[in-house]
Amino acid sequence: MLQSLGVQGGQRLLDIGCGRGDDVREMAHLVGDSGRVIGLDSSQAMIAEAQKRSEGWTLPVGFILGDAEKLDFPSESFDTC
């Protein structure tokens, strides 16, 4: 999946339906310190688990509770999702 997205260093990515954040953390390795990966999920339990699993990480990840049909990000916030 990540190869088909062409993820590169420095990119800003959004993972809609991130669940426990496994893909978010994997993408964070690819974008490196100069990038950012945000995981969005509609389940508070999944966001809490993703945050727990990402504790102590120095890579640029973040997790947000939200609705994929009502994204509240400015235009061009992400390179891909």
C-alpha atoms as a PDB file:
ATOM      1  CA  MET A   1       0.000   0.000   0.000  1.00  0.00           C
ATOM      2  CA  LEU A   2       2.691   2.485   0.981  1.00  0.00           C
ATOM      3  CA  GLN A   3       4.657   1.848  -2.207  1.00  0.00           C
ATOM      4  CA  SER A   4       1.599   2.711  -4.303  1.00  0.00           C
ATOM      5  CA  LEU A   5       1.270   6.041  -2.435  1.00  0.00           C
ATOM      6  CA  GLY A   6       4.872   6.941  -3.205  1.00  0.00           C
ATOM      7  CA  VAL A   7       5.493   8.141   0.343  1.00  0.00           C
ATOM      8  CA  GLN A   8       8.645  10.264   0.600  1.00  0.00           C
ATOM      9  CA  GLY A   9      10.565  12.092   3.259  1.00  0.00           C
ATOM     10  CA  GLY A  10       9.080  15.398   4.364  1.00  0.00           C
ATOM     11  CA  GLN A  11       5.525  14.658   3.254  1.00  0.00           C
ATOM     12  CA  ARG A  12       2.414  15.382   5.301  1.00  0.00           C
ATOM     13  CA  LEU A  13       0.035  12.421   5.328  1.00  0.00           C
ATOM     14  CA  LEU A  14      -3.457  11.706   6.668  1.00  0.00           C
ATOM     15  CA  ASP A  15      -4.556   8.170   7.530  1.00  0.00           C
ATOM     16  CA  ILE A  16      -8.361   8.087   7.596  1.00  0.00           C
ATOM     17  CA  GLY A  17      -9.631   5.209   9.722  1.00  0.00           C
ATOM     18  CA  CYS A  18      -6.277   4.746  11.436  1.00  0.00           C
ATOM     19  CA  GLY A  19      -7.440   2.240  14.050  1.00  0.00           C
ATOM     20  CA  ARG A  20      -4.542   1.404  16.387  1.00  0.00           C
ATOM     21  CA  GLY A  21      -2.152   3.543  14.343  1.00  0.00           C
ATOM     22  CA  ASP A  22       0.010   0.779  12.888  1.00  0.00           C
ATOM     23  CA  ASP A  23       0.096   2.323   9.394  1.00  0.00           C
ATOM     24  CA  VAL A  24       0.607   5.810  10.847  1.00  0.00           C
ATOM     25  CA  ARG A  25       3.754   4.678  12.633  1.00  0.00           C
ATOM     26  CA  GLU A  26       5.007   2.850   9.540  1.00  0.00           C
ATOM     27  CA  MET A  27       4.436   5.934   7.373  1.00  0.00           C
ATOM     28  CA  ALA A  28       6.180   8.109   9.982  1.00  0.00           C
ATOM     29  CA  HIS A  29       9.373   6.124   9.397  1.00  0.00           C
ATOM     30  CA  LEU A  30       9.118   6.970   5.700  1.00  0.00           C
ATOM     31  CA  VAL A  31       8.385  10.700   6.052  1.00  0.00           C
ATOM     32  CA  GLY A  32      11.041  11.128   8.742  1.00  0.00           C
ATOM     33  CA  ASP A  33      11.537  14.040  11.098  1.00  0.00           C
ATOM     34  CA  SER A  34      10.723  16.620   8.431  1.00  0.00           C
ATOM     35  CA  GLY A  35       7.291  15.112   7.675  1.00  0.00           C
ATOM     36  CA  ARG A  36       4.114  14.551   9.657  1.00  0.00           C
ATOM     37  CA  VAL A  37       1.506  11.778   9.770  1.00  0.00           C
ATOM     38  CA  ILE A  38      -1.929  12.288  11.300  1.00  0.00           C
ATOM     39  CA  GLY A  39      -4.243   9.391  12.080  1.00  0.00           C
ATOM     40  CA  LEU A  40      -7.982  10.076  12.130  1.00  0.00           C
ATOM     41  CA  ASP A  41     -10.561   7.677  13.521  1.00  0.00           C
ATOM     42  CA  SER A  42     -14.190   7.914  14.628  1.00  0.00           C
ATOM     43  CA  SER A  43     -13.578   5.648  17.627  1.00  0.00           C
ATOM     44  CA  GLN A  44     -12.261   7.197  20.832  1.00  0.00           C
ATOM     45  CA  ALA A  45     -11.112   3.727  21.927  1.00  0.00           C
ATOM     46  CA  MET A  46      -9.000   3.329  18.777  1.00  0.00           C
ATOM     47  CA  ILE A  47      -7.497   6.826  19.143  1.00  0.00           C
ATOM     48  CA  ALA A  48      -6.631   6.080  22.777  1.00  0.00           C
ATOM     49  CA  GLU A  49      -4.993   2.792  21.782  1.00  0.00           C
ATOM     50  CA  ALA A  50      -3.057   4.440  18.940  1.00  0.00           C
ATOM     51  CA  GLN A  51      -1.790   7.115  21.317  1.00  0.00           C
ATOM     52  CA  LYS A  52      -0.820   4.481  23.875  1.00  0.00           C
ATOM     53  CA  ARG A  53       1.090   2.435  21.284  1.00  0.00           C
ATOM     54  CA  SER A  54       2.898   5.577  20.098  1.00  0.00           C
ATOM     55  CA  GLU A  55       4.060   6.767  23.516  1.00  0.00           C
ATOM     56  CA  GLY A  56       7.766   7.525  23.575  1.00  0.00           C
ATOM     57  CA  TRP A  57       7.991   7.869  19.798  1.00  0.00           C
ATOM     58  CA  THR A  58      10.124  10.681  18.516  1.00  0.00           C
ATOM     59  CA  LEU A  59       8.706  10.450  14.993  1.00  0.00           C
ATOM     60  CA  PRO A  60       6.098  13.034  13.939  1.00  0.00           C
ATOM     61  CA  VAL A  61       2.734  11.351  14.522  1.00  0.00           C
ATOM     62  CA  GLY A  62      -0.560  12.618  15.865  1.00  0.00           C
ATOM     63  CA  PHE A  63      -4.030  11.142  16.369  1.00  0.00           C
ATOM     64  CA  ILE A  64      -7.362  12.907  16.091  1.00  0.00           C
ATOM     65  CA  LEU A  65     -10.908  11.804  16.821  1.00  0.00           C
ATOM     66  CA  GLY A  66     -13.062  12.812  13.862  1.00  0.00           C
ATOM     67  CA  ASP A  67     -15.456  12.065  11.048  1.00  0.00           C
ATOM     68  CA  ALA A  68     -14.028  11.258   7.605  1.00  0.00           C
ATOM     69  CA  GLU A  69     -17.014  12.977   5.996  1.00  0.00           C
ATOM     70  CA  LYS A  70     -16.456  16.203   7.950  1.00  0.00           C
ATOM     71  CA  LEU A  71     -12.727  16.852   7.829  1.00  0.00           C
ATOM     72  CA  ASP A  72     -11.708  20.068   9.545  1.00  0.00           C
ATOM     73  CA  PHE A  73      -8.335  20.778   7.939  1.00  0.00           C
ATOM     74  CA  PRO A  74      -7.347  23.750   5.791  1.00  0.00           C
ATOM     75  CA  SER A  75      -6.908  23.109   2.077  1.00  0.00           C
ATOM     76  CA  GLU A  76      -3.590  21.550   1.115  1.00  0.00           C
ATOM     77  CA  SER A  77      -2.822  20.398   4.662  1.00  0.00           C
ATOM     78  CA  PHE A  78      -1.674  17.012   3.377  1.00  0.00           C
ATOM     79  CA  ASP A  79       0.278  15.697   0.412  1.00  0.00           C
ATOM     80  CA  THR A  80      -1.787  12.511   0.322  1.00  0.00           C
ATOM     81  CA  CYS A  81      -4.177  10.443   2.393  1.00  0.00           C
END
